[in-house]
Amino acid sequence: MSNAKNLKNLAGIVVGGVLLCIGFMKTITAKQTIDQAGSLYTWKPPYTVFEQTTLNNLWTGIGILVAGLLIMLIFGIIMRINYAGGENFSSLSEGLYISCPQCGEHNYSGNHCYNCGAVLHPNIKTQGNSQKTKTTVSEVNMKPNQVWVCPNCKNENQCVDICVCGTRKPE
């Protein structure tokens, strides 16, 4: 998932959280007002202006609270689906991931790196339970000069000229 989509979904979750807080505070304030007024008002129709305003605040607070909760849930689900690339989560349980050629981030599915947005090569899958899995050139159908080992950190790099540690590809 690209950073722009990630930020959009995160902003939706934050907006939902703010609405949730506002709705909660408005509901609590209206409930406290009703409790403090107590027996001075009947709280039955026909309502006085004070009663109507207080009840409107109560129901508005409940509505905002529910809307905030729904917005948070919807954007959270969208974020989770985008992270999984619209697929089920079976690849997570298998421990397979696709290494990003730009930043080296492990992506469990999807066509783009969720960290930097680079295009992923889905035929480069690595088993997650091993410390360091060597991917041979024949496995990924790449030219030999596209896979190189960094002399500094010994990290295997594919399709990039600069290693994650900052070292340039030797000529």
C-alpha atoms as a PDB file:
ATOM      1  CA  MET A   1       0.000   0.000   0.000  1.00  0.00           C
ATOM      2  CA  SER A   2       1.358   3.396  -0.841  1.00  0.00           C
ATOM      3  CA  ASN A   3       2.095   5.986   1.802  1.00  0.00           C
ATOM      4  CA  ALA A   4      -0.673   8.279   0.477  1.00  0.00           C
ATOM      5  CA  LYS A   5      -3.329   5.589   0.969  1.00  0.00           C
ATOM      6  CA  ASN A   6      -1.872   4.715   4.345  1.00  0.00           C
ATOM      7  CA  LEU A   7      -2.010   8.352   5.483  1.00  0.00           C
ATOM      8  CA  LYS A   8      -5.551   8.761   4.147  1.00  0.00           C
ATOM      9  CA  ASN A   9      -6.758   5.725   6.076  1.00  0.00           C
ATOM     10  CA  LEU A  10      -4.856   6.802   9.173  1.00  0.00           C
ATOM     11  CA  ALA A  11      -6.438  10.268   8.926  1.00  0.00           C
ATOM     12  CA  GLY A  12      -9.859   8.618   8.723  1.00  0.00           C
ATOM     13  CA  ILE A  13      -9.141   6.645  11.875  1.00  0.00           C
ATOM     14  CA  VAL A  14      -7.958   9.819  13.658  1.00  0.00           C
ATOM     15  CA  VAL A  15     -11.101  11.733  12.574  1.00  0.00           C
ATOM     16  CA  GLY A  16     -13.220   8.826  13.809  1.00  0.00           C
ATOM     17  CA  GLY A  17     -11.373   8.905  17.137  1.00  0.00           C
ATOM     18  CA  VAL A  18     -11.923  12.648  17.509  1.00  0.00           C
ATOM     19  CA  LEU A  19     -15.644  12.224  16.762  1.00  0.00           C
ATOM     20  CA  LEU A  20     -15.782   9.382  19.248  1.00  0.00           C
ATOM     21  CA  CYS A  21     -14.285  11.616  21.955  1.00  0.00           C
ATOM     22  CA  ILE A  22     -16.573  14.552  21.122  1.00  0.00           C
ATOM     23  CA  GLY A  23     -19.648  12.303  21.140  1.00  0.00           C
ATOM     24  CA  PHE A  24     -18.608  10.736  24.433  1.00  0.00           C
ATOM     25  CA  MET A  25     -18.050  14.120  26.093  1.00  0.00           C
ATOM     26  CA  LYS A  26     -21.328  15.549  24.740  1.00  0.00           C
ATOM     27  CA  THR A  27     -23.271  12.498  25.956  1.00  0.00           C
ATOM     28  CA  ILE A  28     -21.681  12.587  29.417  1.00  0.00           C
ATOM     29  CA  THR A  29     -22.306  16.342  29.738  1.00  0.00           C
ATOM     30  CA  ALA A  30     -25.987  15.975  28.775  1.00  0.00           C
ATOM     31  CA  LYS A  31     -26.405  13.043  31.174  1.00  0.00           C
ATOM     32  CA  GLN A  32     -24.841  15.054  34.014  1.00  0.00           C
ATOM     33  CA  THR A  33     -27.165  17.975  33.237  1.00  0.00           C
ATOM     34  CA  ILE A  34     -30.185  15.656  33.424  1.00  0.00           C
ATOM     35  CA  ASP A  35     -28.949  14.184  36.729  1.00  0.00           C
ATOM     36  CA  GLN A  36     -28.298  17.631  38.245  1.00  0.00           C
ATOM     37  CA  ALA A  37     -31.698  18.971  37.189  1.00  0.00           C
ATOM     38  CA  GLY A  38     -33.256  15.897  38.741  1.00  0.00           C
ATOM     39  CA  SER A  39     -36.780  16.396  40.011  1.00  0.00           C
ATOM     40  CA  LEU A  40     -37.018  20.059  38.930  1.00  0.00           C
ATOM     41  CA  TYR A  41     -38.160  18.875  35.487  1.00  0.00           C
ATOM     42  CA  THR A  42     -40.522  16.103  34.399  1.00  0.00           C
ATOM     43  CA  TRP A  43     -38.506  15.016  31.333  1.00  0.00           C
ATOM     44  CA  LYS A  44     -41.795  14.019  29.692  1.00  0.00           C
ATOM     45  CA  PRO A  45     -43.664  15.688  26.807  1.00  0.00           C
ATOM     46  CA  PRO A  46     -44.447  18.521  26.433  1.00  0.00           C
ATOM     47  CA  TYR A  47     -40.822  19.458  27.015  1.00  0.00           C
ATOM     48  CA  THR A  48     -39.626  22.826  28.232  1.00  0.00           C
ATOM     49  CA  VAL A  49     -36.934  24.600  26.207  1.00  0.00           C
ATOM     50  CA  PHE A  50     -34.290  23.489  28.719  1.00  0.00           C
ATOM     51  CA  GLU A  51     -35.437  19.863  28.578  1.00  0.00           C
ATOM     52  CA  GLN A  52     -35.583  19.877  24.769  1.00  0.00           C
ATOM     53  CA  THR A  53     -32.096  21.389  24.469  1.00  0.00           C
ATOM     54  CA  THR A  54     -30.638  18.902  26.948  1.00  0.00           C
ATOM     55  CA  LEU A  55     -32.279  15.921  25.247  1.00  0.00           C
ATOM     56  CA  ASN A  56     -31.120  17.181  21.839  1.00  0.00           C
ATOM     57  CA  ASN A  57     -27.563  17.377  23.193  1.00  0.00           C
ATOM     58  CA  LEU A  58     -27.869  13.850  24.552  1.00  0.00           C
ATOM     59  CA  TRP A  59     -29.088  12.335  21.270  1.00  0.00           C
ATOM     60  CA  THR A  60     -26.634  14.381  19.211  1.00  0.00           C
ATOM     61  CA  GLY A  61     -23.801  13.127  21.420  1.00  0.00           C
ATOM     62  CA  ILE A  62     -24.936   9.531  20.991  1.00  0.00           C
ATOM     63  CA  GLY A  63     -25.161  10.035  17.206  1.00  0.00           C
ATOM     64  CA  ILE A  64     -21.664  11.547  17.005  1.00  0.00           C
ATOM     65  CA  LEU A  65     -20.307   8.745  19.189  1.00  0.00           C
ATOM     66  CA  VAL A  66     -21.791   6.058  16.927  1.00  0.00           C
ATOM     67  CA  ALA A  67     -20.625   7.882  13.765  1.00  0.00           C
ATOM     68  CA  GLY A  68     -17.077   8.124  15.144  1.00  0.00           C
ATOM     69  CA  LEU A  69     -17.055   4.441  16.008  1.00  0.00           C
ATOM     70  CA  LEU A  70     -18.321   3.481  12.533  1.00  0.00           C
ATOM     71  CA  ILE A  71     -15.757   5.712  10.788  1.00  0.00           C
ATOM     72  CA  MET A  72     -12.938   4.185  12.839  1.00  0.00           C
ATOM     73  CA  LEU A  73     -14.126   0.660  12.069  1.00  0.00           C
ATOM     74  CA  ILE A  74     -14.584   1.301   8.339  1.00  0.00           C
ATOM     75  CA  PHE A  75     -11.178   2.936   7.853  1.00  0.00           C
ATOM     76  CA  GLY A  76      -9.534   0.293  10.039  1.00  0.00           C
ATOM     77  CA  ILE A  77     -11.029  -2.475   7.913  1.00  0.00           C
ATOM     78  CA  ILE A  78     -10.033  -0.682   4.687  1.00  0.00           C
ATOM     79  CA  MET A  79      -6.495  -0.239   6.019  1.00  0.00           C
ATOM     80  CA  ARG A  80      -6.292  -3.920   6.937  1.00  0.00           C
ATOM     81  CA  ILE A  81      -7.614  -5.030   3.526  1.00  0.00           C
ATOM     82  CA  ASN A  82      -5.190  -2.709   1.690  1.00  0.00           C
ATOM     83  CA  TYR A  83      -2.306  -3.986   3.788  1.00  0.00           C
ATOM     84  CA  ALA A  84      -3.198  -7.550   2.836  1.00  0.00           C
ATOM     85  CA  GLY A  85      -3.525  -6.619  -0.841  1.00  0.00           C
ATOM     86  CA  GLY A  86      -7.211  -7.553  -0.881  1.00  0.00           C
ATOM     87  CA  GLU A  87      -6.350 -11.190  -0.294  1.00  0.00           C
ATOM     88  CA  ASN A  88      -7.017 -13.423   2.643  1.00  0.00           C
ATOM     89  CA  PHE A  89      -4.369 -13.649   5.330  1.00  0.00           C
ATOM     90  CA  SER A  90      -3.168 -17.179   4.546  1.00  0.00           C
ATOM     91  CA  SER A  91       0.241 -15.887   3.437  1.00  0.00           C
ATOM     92  CA  LEU A  92       0.748 -14.398   6.908  1.00  0.00           C
ATOM     93  CA  SER A  93       0.299 -17.770   8.568  1.00  0.00           C
ATOM     94  CA  GLU A  94       2.646 -19.439   6.075  1.00  0.00           C
ATOM     95  CA  GLY A  95       5.418 -16.953   6.876  1.00  0.00           C
ATOM     96  CA  LEU A  96       6.020 -15.978   3.235  1.00  0.00           C
ATOM     97  CA  TYR A  97       6.955 -12.441   2.341  1.00  0.00           C
ATOM     98  CA  ILE A  98       8.113 -10.423  -0.643  1.00  0.00           C
ATOM     99  CA  SER A  99      11.237  -8.350  -0.043  1.00  0.00           C
ATOM    100  CA  CYS A 100      11.026  -4.800  -1.384  1.00  0.00           C
ATOM    101  CA  PRO A 101      13.819  -4.126  -3.904  1.00  0.00           C
ATOM    102  CA  GLN A 102      14.112  -0.485  -2.741  1.00  0.00           C
ATOM    103  CA  CYS A 103      13.969  -0.530   1.057  1.00  0.00           C
ATOM    104  CA  GLY A 104      14.137  -4.243   1.928  1.00  0.00           C
ATOM    105  CA  GLU A 105      10.830  -4.157   3.856  1.00  0.00           C
ATOM    106  CA  HIS A 106       8.986  -7.473   4.150  1.00  0.00           C
ATOM    107  CA  ASN A 107       5.588  -7.295   2.397  1.00  0.00           C
ATOM    108  CA  TYR A 108       3.231 -10.189   2.978  1.00  0.00           C
ATOM    109  CA  SER A 109       1.123  -9.480  -0.118  1.00  0.00           C
ATOM    110  CA  GLY A 110       0.172  -6.823  -2.635  1.00  0.00           C
ATOM    111  CA  ASN A 111       1.901  -5.395  -5.696  1.00  0.00           C
ATOM    112  CA  HIS A 112       3.555  -2.374  -4.055  1.00  0.00           C
ATOM    113  CA  CYS A 113       5.668  -1.968  -0.940  1.00  0.00           C
ATOM    114  CA  TYR A 114       3.546  -0.606   1.885  1.00  0.00           C
ATOM    115  CA  ASN A 115       6.573   1.314   3.201  1.00  0.00           C
ATOM    116  CA  CYS A 116       7.981   3.089   0.118  1.00  0.00           C
ATOM    117  CA  GLY A 117       5.489   2.261  -2.663  1.00  0.00           C
ATOM    118  CA  ALA A 118       8.028   0.495  -4.925  1.00  0.00           C
ATOM    119  CA  VAL A 119       6.773  -2.161  -7.347  1.00  0.00           C
ATOM    120  CA  LEU A 120       7.251  -5.637  -5.904  1.00  0.00           C
ATOM    121  CA  HIS A 121       8.367  -8.699  -7.829  1.00  0.00           C
ATOM    122  CA  PRO A 122       5.883 -11.366  -6.717  1.00  0.00           C
ATOM    123  CA  ASN A 123       8.132 -14.208  -7.850  1.00  0.00           C
ATOM    124  CA  ILE A 124      10.715 -13.283  -5.188  1.00  0.00           C
ATOM    125  CA  LYS A 125       9.195 -14.941  -2.126  1.00  0.00           C
ATOM    126  CA  THR A 126      11.253 -15.755   0.922  1.00  0.00           C
ATOM    127  CA  GLN A 127      10.465 -18.038   3.820  1.00  0.00           C
ATOM    128  CA  GLY A 128      10.063 -15.907   6.934  1.00  0.00           C
ATOM    129  CA  ASN A 129      11.185 -18.457   9.511  1.00  0.00           C
ATOM    130  CA  SER A 130      14.791 -18.593   8.266  1.00  0.00           C
ATOM    131  CA  GLN A 131      17.435 -16.083   9.312  1.00  0.00           C
ATOM    132  CA  LYS A 132      18.794 -15.286   5.842  1.00  0.00           C
ATOM    133  CA  THR A 133      17.502 -17.035   2.742  1.00  0.00           C
ATOM    134  CA  LYS A 134      19.676 -16.811  -0.367  1.00  0.00           C
ATOM    135  CA  THR A 135      17.605 -16.353  -3.503  1.00  0.00           C
ATOM    136  CA  THR A 136      19.423 -17.635  -6.551  1.00  0.00           C
ATOM    137  CA  VAL A 137      19.423 -15.829  -9.875  1.00  0.00           C
ATOM    138  CA  SER A 138      17.638 -18.701 -11.608  1.00  0.00           C
ATOM    139  CA  GLU A 139      14.801 -18.584  -9.063  1.00  0.00           C
ATOM    140  CA  VAL A 140      13.894 -14.990  -9.851  1.00  0.00           C
ATOM    141  CA  ASN A 141      14.654 -15.022 -13.617  1.00  0.00           C
ATOM    142  CA  MET A 142      16.968 -12.022 -13.372  1.00  0.00           C
ATOM    143  CA  LYS A 143      20.254 -11.211 -15.013  1.00  0.00           C
ATOM    144  CA  PRO A 144      23.298 -11.984 -12.847  1.00  0.00           C
ATOM    145  CA  ASN A 145      24.245  -8.299 -12.604  1.00  0.00           C
ATOM    146  CA  GLN A 146      20.919  -7.430 -10.954  1.00  0.00           C
ATOM    147  CA  VAL A 147      21.674  -9.414  -7.800  1.00  0.00           C
ATOM    148  CA  TRP A 148      24.673  -8.283  -5.767  1.00  0.00           C
ATOM    149  CA  VAL A 149      25.956  -8.670  -2.215  1.00  0.00           C
ATOM    150  CA  CYS A 150      26.867  -5.516  -0.316  1.00  0.00           C
ATOM    151  CA  PRO A 151      30.541  -5.570   0.702  1.00  0.00           C
ATOM    152  CA  ASN A 152      29.704  -3.576   3.838  1.00  0.00           C
ATOM    153  CA  CYS A 153      26.764  -5.394   5.453  1.00  0.00           C
ATOM    154  CA  LYS A 154      26.666  -8.581   3.314  1.00  0.00           C
ATOM    155  CA  ASN A 155      23.004  -7.896   2.451  1.00  0.00           C
ATOM    156  CA  GLU A 156      21.768  -9.398  -0.828  1.00  0.00           C
ATOM    157  CA  ASN A 157      20.336  -6.643  -3.066  1.00  0.00           C
ATOM    158  CA  GLN A 158      18.132  -6.966  -6.132  1.00  0.00           C
ATOM    159  CA  CYS A 159      17.297  -4.356  -8.808  1.00  0.00           C
ATOM    160  CA  VAL A 160      18.851  -1.479  -6.839  1.00  0.00           C
ATOM    161  CA  ASP A 161      22.169   0.356  -7.039  1.00  0.00           C
ATOM    162  CA  ILE A 162      22.279   1.402  -3.369  1.00  0.00           C
ATOM    163  CA  CYS A 163      22.084  -0.998  -0.418  1.00  0.00           C
ATOM    164  CA  VAL A 164      19.860  -0.349   2.591  1.00  0.00           C
ATOM    165  CA  CYS A 165      23.002   0.564   4.560  1.00  0.00           C
ATOM    166  CA  GLY A 166      23.836   3.306   2.000  1.00  0.00           C
ATOM    167  CA  THR A 167      26.673   1.545   0.147  1.00  0.00           C
ATOM    168  CA  ARG A 168      26.665   1.902  -3.664  1.00  0.00           C
ATOM    169  CA  LYS A 169      26.743  -1.161  -5.915  1.00  0.00           C
ATOM    170  CA  PRO A 170      30.348  -1.997  -6.872  1.00  0.00           C
ATOM    171  CA  GLU A 171      31.086  -1.692 -10.587  1.00  0.00           C
END
